[in-house]
Amino acid sequence: MLKQLAATIYILLITTVAANAQTEMADTLRSNGKIYVVVTVLATIFAGIFAFLVYIDRKISKLEKEK
């Protein structure tokens, strides 16, 4: 019981510290105007992954139709 309580407190502490660090980082990026660069890079990565998945899906569909 004591180990579970200690683990729970540890997880809550780590989560709180991580949330504060993320907030501070987001505020810093926003104040420097670099948040738009981060958003653009992430959008480009996700668009690339989506395009790749569509390409693979079409390729698999073509192979399935051949059989």
PDB file of N, CA and C in Angstrom:
ATOM      1  N   MET A   1       0.831  -1.198   0.000  1.00  0.00           N
ATOM      2  CA  MET A   1       0.000   0.000   0.000  1.00  0.00           C
ATOM      3  C   MET A   1       0.871   1.256   0.000  1.00  0.00           C
ATOM      4  N   LEU A   2       1.936   1.229   0.796  1.00  0.00           N
ATOM      5  CA  LEU A   2       2.820   2.382   0.899  1.00  0.00           C
ATOM      6  C   LEU A   2       3.575   2.606  -0.408  1.00  0.00           C
ATOM      7  N   LYS A   3       3.957   1.516  -1.077  1.00  0.00           N
ATOM      8  CA  LYS A   3       4.655   1.638  -2.359  1.00  0.00           C
ATOM      9  C   LYS A   3       3.748   2.264  -3.417  1.00  0.00           C
ATOM     10  N   GLN A   4       2.476   1.888  -3.403  1.00  0.00           N
ATOM     11  CA  GLN A   4       1.535   2.454  -4.372  1.00  0.00           C
ATOM     12  C   GLN A   4       1.332   3.942  -4.127  1.00  0.00           C
ATOM     13  N   LEU A   5       1.248   4.326  -2.870  1.00  0.00           N
ATOM     14  CA  LEU A   5       1.087   5.724  -2.516  1.00  0.00           C
ATOM     15  C   LEU A   5       2.310   6.526  -2.936  1.00  0.00           C
ATOM     16  N   ALA A   6       3.491   5.992  -2.673  1.00  0.00           N
ATOM     17  CA  ALA A   6       4.724   6.679  -3.053  1.00  0.00           C
ATOM     18  C   ALA A   6       4.827   6.797  -4.570  1.00  0.00           C
ATOM     19  N   ALA A   7       4.449   5.748  -5.290  1.00  0.00           N
ATOM     20  CA  ALA A   7       4.496   5.775  -6.747  1.00  0.00           C
ATOM     21  C   ALA A   7       3.511   6.806  -7.298  1.00  0.00           C
ATOM     22  N   THR A   8       2.335   6.875  -6.712  1.00  0.00           N
ATOM     23  CA  THR A   8       1.328   7.841  -7.146  1.00  0.00           C
ATOM     24  C   THR A   8       1.807   9.273  -6.917  1.00  0.00           C
ATOM     25  N   ILE A   9       2.374   9.536  -5.756  1.00  0.00           N
ATOM     26  CA  ILE A   9       2.894  10.871  -5.454  1.00  0.00           C
ATOM     27  C   ILE A   9       4.027  11.224  -6.404  1.00  0.00           C
ATOM     28  N   TYR A  10       4.895  10.256  -6.686  1.00  0.00           N
ATOM     29  CA  TYR A  10       6.014  10.481  -7.609  1.00  0.00           C
ATOM     30  C   TYR A  10       5.502  10.811  -9.009  1.00  0.00           C
ATOM     31  N   ILE A  11       4.513  10.078  -9.474  1.00  0.00           N
ATOM     32  CA  ILE A  11       3.950  10.327 -10.810  1.00  0.00           C
ATOM     33  C   ILE A  11       3.299  11.705 -10.865  1.00  0.00           C
ATOM     34  N   LEU A  12       2.562  12.067  -9.841  1.00  0.00           N
ATOM     35  CA  LEU A  12       1.929  13.390  -9.800  1.00  0.00           C
ATOM     36  C   LEU A  12       2.968  14.506  -9.789  1.00  0.00           C
ATOM     37  N   LEU A  13       4.057  14.297  -9.067  1.00  0.00           N
ATOM     38  CA  LEU A  13       5.126  15.287  -9.007  1.00  0.00           C
ATOM     39  C   LEU A  13       5.786  15.457 -10.367  1.00  0.00           C
ATOM     40  N   ILE A  14       6.102  14.351 -11.022  1.00  0.00           N
ATOM     41  CA  ILE A  14       6.728  14.397 -12.344  1.00  0.00           C
ATOM     42  C   ILE A  14       5.785  15.054 -13.356  1.00  0.00           C
ATOM     43  N   THR A  15       4.501  14.714 -13.295  1.00  0.00           N
ATOM     44  CA  THR A  15       3.521  15.297 -14.209  1.00  0.00           C
ATOM     45  C   THR A  15       3.420  16.803 -14.017  1.00  0.00           C
ATOM     46  N   THR A  16       3.435  17.249 -12.790  1.00  0.00           N
ATOM     47  CA  THR A  16       3.356  18.684 -12.504  1.00  0.00           C
ATOM     48  C   THR A  16       4.585  19.411 -13.029  1.00  0.00           C
ATOM     49  N   VAL A  17       5.758  18.836 -12.803  1.00  0.00           N
ATOM     50  CA  VAL A  17       6.998  19.460 -13.284  1.00  0.00           C
ATOM     51  C   VAL A  17       7.005  19.508 -14.803  1.00  0.00           C
ATOM     52  N   ALA A  18       6.579  18.431 -15.457  1.00  0.00           N
ATOM     53  CA  ALA A  18       6.549  18.387 -16.918  1.00  0.00           C
ATOM     54  C   ALA A  18       5.553  19.404 -17.473  1.00  0.00           C
ATOM     55  N   ALA A  19       4.414  19.542 -16.832  1.00  0.00           N
ATOM     56  CA  ALA A  19       3.408  20.505 -17.292  1.00  0.00           C
ATOM     57  C   ALA A  19       3.935  21.931 -17.176  1.00  0.00           C
ATOM     58  N   ASN A  20       4.625  22.230 -16.087  1.00  0.00           N
ATOM     59  CA  ASN A  20       5.192  23.567 -15.917  1.00  0.00           C
ATOM     60  C   ASN A  20       6.276  23.832 -16.958  1.00  0.00           C
ATOM     61  N   ALA A  21       7.096  22.831 -17.253  1.00  0.00           N
ATOM     62  CA  ALA A  21       8.158  22.995 -18.249  1.00  0.00           C
ATOM     63  C   ALA A  21       7.561  23.223 -19.634  1.00  0.00           C
ATOM     64  N   GLN A  22       6.498  22.496 -19.951  1.00  0.00           N
ATOM     65  CA  GLN A  22       5.862  22.664 -21.252  1.00  0.00           C
ATOM     66  C   GLN A  22       5.235  24.041 -21.387  1.00  0.00           C
ATOM     67  N   THR A  23       4.611  24.501 -20.333  1.00  0.00           N
ATOM     68  CA  THR A  23       3.995  25.825 -20.351  1.00  0.00           C
ATOM     69  C   THR A  23       5.054  26.909 -20.529  1.00  0.00           C
ATOM     70  N   GLU A  24       6.148  26.762 -19.802  1.00  0.00           N
ATOM     71  CA  GLU A  24       7.237  27.742 -19.910  1.00  0.00           C
ATOM     72  C   GLU A  24       7.842  27.727 -21.311  1.00  0.00           C
ATOM     73  N   MET A  25       8.039  26.537 -21.876  1.00  0.00           N
ATOM     74  CA  MET A  25       8.607  26.435 -23.214  1.00  0.00           C
ATOM     75  C   MET A  25       7.658  27.029 -24.247  1.00  0.00           C
ATOM     76  N   ALA A  26       6.372  26.739 -24.124  1.00  0.00           N
ATOM     77  CA  ALA A  26       5.393  27.277 -25.070  1.00  0.00           C
ATOM     78  C   ALA A  26       5.338  28.795 -24.983  1.00  0.00           C
ATOM     79  N   ASP A  27       5.403  29.327 -23.776  1.00  0.00           N
ATOM     80  CA  ASP A  27       5.389  30.784 -23.612  1.00  0.00           C
ATOM     81  C   ASP A  27       6.627  31.413 -24.243  1.00  0.00           C
ATOM     82  N   THR A  28       7.783  30.765 -24.068  1.00  0.00           N
ATOM     83  CA  THR A  28       9.021  31.283 -24.637  1.00  0.00           C
ATOM     84  C   THR A  28       8.959  31.256 -26.161  1.00  0.00           C
ATOM     85  N   LEU A  29       8.509  30.138 -26.725  1.00  0.00           N
ATOM     86  CA  LEU A  29       8.412  30.032 -28.179  1.00  0.00           C
ATOM     87  C   LEU A  29       7.412  31.034 -28.732  1.00  0.00           C
ATOM     88  N   ARG A  30       6.303  31.211 -28.025  1.00  0.00           N
ATOM     89  CA  ARG A  30       5.277  32.152 -28.479  1.00  0.00           C
ATOM     90  C   ARG A  30       5.797  33.586 -28.430  1.00  0.00           C
ATOM     91  N   SER A  31       6.523  33.924 -27.383  1.00  0.00           N
ATOM     92  CA  SER A  31       7.020  35.293 -27.256  1.00  0.00           C
ATOM     93  C   SER A  31       8.102  35.591 -28.290  1.00  0.00           C
ATOM     94  N   ASN A  32       8.862  34.579 -28.708  1.00  0.00           N
ATOM     95  CA  ASN A  32       9.901  34.780 -29.718  1.00  0.00           C
ATOM     96  C   ASN A  32       9.361  34.640 -31.136  1.00  0.00           C
ATOM     97  N   GLY A  33       8.118  34.216 -31.283  1.00  0.00           N
ATOM     98  CA  GLY A  33       7.534  34.038 -32.597  1.00  0.00           C
ATOM     99  C   GLY A  33       7.945  32.739 -33.269  1.00  0.00           C
ATOM    100  N   LYS A  34       8.601  31.860 -32.540  1.00  0.00           N
ATOM    101  CA  LYS A  34       9.076  30.600 -33.126  1.00  0.00           C
ATOM    102  C   LYS A  34       8.028  29.491 -33.064  1.00  0.00           C
ATOM    103  N   ILE A  35       6.922  29.754 -32.398  1.00  0.00           N
ATOM    104  CA  ILE A  35       5.878  28.739 -32.301  1.00  0.00           C
ATOM    105  C   ILE A  35       5.320  28.417 -33.676  1.00  0.00           C
ATOM    106  N   TYR A  36       5.328  29.417 -34.563  1.00  0.00           N
ATOM    107  CA  TYR A  36       4.819  29.196 -35.915  1.00  0.00           C
ATOM    108  C   TYR A  36       5.736  28.257 -36.698  1.00  0.00           C
ATOM    109  N   VAL A  37       7.028  28.332 -36.434  1.00  0.00           N
ATOM    110  CA  VAL A  37       7.977  27.418 -37.072  1.00  0.00           C
ATOM    111  C   VAL A  37       7.714  25.994 -36.596  1.00  0.00           C
ATOM    112  N   VAL A  38       7.495  25.837 -35.306  1.00  0.00           N
ATOM    113  CA  VAL A  38       7.233  24.514 -34.741  1.00  0.00           C
ATOM    114  C   VAL A  38       5.947  23.937 -35.325  1.00  0.00           C
ATOM    115  N   VAL A  39       4.902  24.744 -35.390  1.00  0.00           N
ATOM    116  CA  VAL A  39       3.624  24.291 -35.931  1.00  0.00           C
ATOM    117  C   VAL A  39       3.766  23.926 -37.404  1.00  0.00           C
ATOM    118  N   THR A  40       4.512  24.715 -38.158  1.00  0.00           N
ATOM    119  CA  THR A  40       4.721  24.439 -39.584  1.00  0.00           C
ATOM    120  C   THR A  40       5.479  23.139 -39.786  1.00  0.00           C
ATOM    121  N   VAL A  41       6.516  22.915 -39.000  1.00  0.00           N
ATOM    122  CA  VAL A  41       7.292  21.672 -39.117  1.00  0.00           C
ATOM    123  C   VAL A  41       6.422  20.468 -38.774  1.00  0.00           C
ATOM    124  N   LEU A  42       5.655  20.561 -37.696  1.00  0.00           N
ATOM    125  CA  LEU A  42       4.777  19.447 -37.315  1.00  0.00           C
ATOM    126  C   LEU A  42       3.713  19.191 -38.372  1.00  0.00           C
ATOM    127  N   ALA A  43       3.135  20.250 -38.930  1.00  0.00           N
ATOM    128  CA  ALA A  43       2.126  20.076 -39.979  1.00  0.00           C
ATOM    129  C   ALA A  43       2.733  19.424 -41.215  1.00  0.00           C
ATOM    130  N   THR A  44       3.963  19.797 -41.563  1.00  0.00           N
ATOM    131  CA  THR A  44       4.653  19.197 -42.708  1.00  0.00           C
ATOM    132  C   THR A  44       4.914  17.717 -42.470  1.00  0.00           C
ATOM    133  N   ILE A  45       5.343  17.378 -41.274  1.00  0.00           N
ATOM    134  CA  ILE A  45       5.611  15.970 -40.943  1.00  0.00           C
ATOM    135  C   ILE A  45       4.329  15.153 -41.036  1.00  0.00           C
ATOM    136  N   PHE A  46       3.243  15.663 -40.446  1.00  0.00           N
ATOM    137  CA  PHE A  46       1.981  14.924 -40.485  1.00  0.00           C
ATOM    138  C   PHE A  46       1.426  14.826 -41.902  1.00  0.00           C
ATOM    139  N   ALA A  47       1.604  15.865 -42.713  1.00  0.00           N
ATOM    140  CA  ALA A  47       1.155  15.809 -44.106  1.00  0.00           C
ATOM    141  C   ALA A  47       1.952  14.759 -44.875  1.00  0.00           C
ATOM    142  N   GLY A  48       3.246  14.680 -44.608  1.00  0.00           N
ATOM    143  CA  GLY A  48       4.079  13.668 -45.251  1.00  0.00           C
ATOM    144  C   GLY A  48       3.667  12.264 -44.860  1.00  0.00           C
ATOM    145  N   ILE A  49       3.389  12.054 -43.591  1.00  0.00           N
ATOM    146  CA  ILE A  49       2.939  10.735 -43.124  1.00  0.00           C
ATOM    147  C   ILE A  49       1.604  10.383 -43.770  1.00  0.00           C
ATOM    148  N   PHE A  50       0.688  11.335 -43.836  1.00  0.00           N
ATOM    149  CA  PHE A  50      -0.617  11.094 -44.446  1.00  0.00           C
ATOM    150  C   PHE A  50      -0.468  10.754 -45.924  1.00  0.00           C
ATOM    151  N   ALA A  51       0.370  11.508 -46.639  1.00  0.00           N
ATOM    152  CA  ALA A  51       0.586  11.247 -48.062  1.00  0.00           C
ATOM    153  C   ALA A  51       1.193   9.862 -48.268  1.00  0.00           C
ATOM    154  N   PHE A  52       2.116   9.484 -47.423  1.00  0.00           N
ATOM    155  CA  PHE A  52       2.737   8.168 -47.509  1.00  0.00           C
ATOM    156  C   PHE A  52       1.714   7.062 -47.284  1.00  0.00           C
ATOM    157  N   LEU A  53       0.840   7.245 -46.307  1.00  0.00           N
ATOM    158  CA  LEU A  53      -0.190   6.245 -46.033  1.00  0.00           C
ATOM    159  C   LEU A  53      -1.160   6.110 -47.195  1.00  0.00           C
ATOM    160  N   VAL A  54      -1.534   7.221 -47.813  1.00  0.00           N
ATOM    161  CA  VAL A  54      -2.417   7.172 -48.978  1.00  0.00           C
ATOM    162  C   VAL A  54      -1.726   6.440 -50.125  1.00  0.00           C
ATOM    163  N   TYR A  55      -0.440   6.735 -50.336  1.00  0.00           N
ATOM    164  CA  TYR A  55       0.337   6.076 -51.386  1.00  0.00           C
ATOM    165  C   TYR A  55       0.393   4.564 -51.161  1.00  0.00           C
ATOM    166  N   ILE A  56       0.696   4.161 -49.949  1.00  0.00           N
ATOM    167  CA  ILE A  56       0.770   2.737 -49.617  1.00  0.00           C
ATOM    168  C   ILE A  56      -0.594   2.074 -49.779  1.00  0.00           C
ATOM    169  N   ASP A  57      -1.675   2.758 -49.372  1.00  0.00           N
ATOM    170  CA  ASP A  57      -3.022   2.202 -49.497  1.00  0.00           C
ATOM    171  C   ASP A  57      -3.381   1.964 -50.958  1.00  0.00           C
ATOM    172  N   ARG A  58      -3.065   2.916 -51.806  1.00  0.00           N
ATOM    173  CA  ARG A  58      -3.353   2.758 -53.238  1.00  0.00           C
ATOM    174  C   ARG A  58      -2.536   1.605 -53.829  1.00  0.00           C
ATOM    175  N   LYS A  59      -1.297   1.511 -53.406  1.00  0.00           N
ATOM    176  CA  LYS A  59      -0.432   0.443 -53.910  1.00  0.00           C
ATOM    177  C   LYS A  59      -0.957  -0.931 -53.486  1.00  0.00           C
ATOM    178  N   ILE A  60      -1.391  -1.046 -52.244  1.00  0.00           N
ATOM    179  CA  ILE A  60      -1.936  -2.315 -51.746  1.00  0.00           C
ATOM    180  C   ILE A  60      -3.238  -2.637 -52.453  1.00  0.00           C
ATOM    181  N   SER A  61      -4.097  -1.622 -52.653  1.00  0.00           N
ATOM    182  CA  SER A  61      -5.361  -1.863 -53.370  1.00  0.00           C
ATOM    183  C   SER A  61      -5.093  -2.351 -54.784  1.00  0.00           C
ATOM    184  N   LYS A  62      -4.112  -1.793 -55.441  1.00  0.00           N
ATOM    185  CA  LYS A  62      -3.756  -2.221 -56.797  1.00  0.00           C
ATOM    186  C   LYS A  62      -3.290  -3.675 -56.803  1.00  0.00           C
ATOM    187  N   LEU A  63      -2.483  -4.044 -55.818  1.00  0.00           N
ATOM    188  CA  LEU A  63      -2.006  -5.420 -55.711  1.00  0.00           C
ATOM    189  C   LEU A  63      -3.147  -6.391 -55.419  1.00  0.00           C
ATOM    190  N   GLU A  64      -4.112  -5.967 -54.592  1.00  0.00           N
ATOM    191  CA  GLU A  64      -5.247  -6.822 -54.271  1.00  0.00           C
ATOM    192  C   GLU A  64      -6.140  -7.047 -55.494  1.00  0.00           C
ATOM    193  N   LYS A  65      -6.278  -6.041 -56.334  1.00  0.00           N
ATOM    194  CA  LYS A  65      -7.108  -6.170 -57.534  1.00  0.00           C
ATOM    195  C   LYS A  65      -6.461  -7.106 -58.552  1.00  0.00           C
ATOM    196  N   GLU A  66      -5.143  -7.180 -58.576  1.00  0.00           N
ATOM    197  CA  GLU A  66      -4.445  -8.047 -59.514  1.00  0.00           C
ATOM    198  C   GLU A  66      -4.660  -9.519 -59.210  1.00  0.00           C
ATOM    199  N   LYS A  67      -4.884  -9.859 -57.978  1.00  0.00           N
ATOM    200  CA  LYS A  67      -5.069 -11.276 -57.586  1.00  0.00           C
ATOM    201  C   LYS A  67      -6.478 -11.721 -57.726  1.00  0.00           C
TER     202      LYS A  67
END
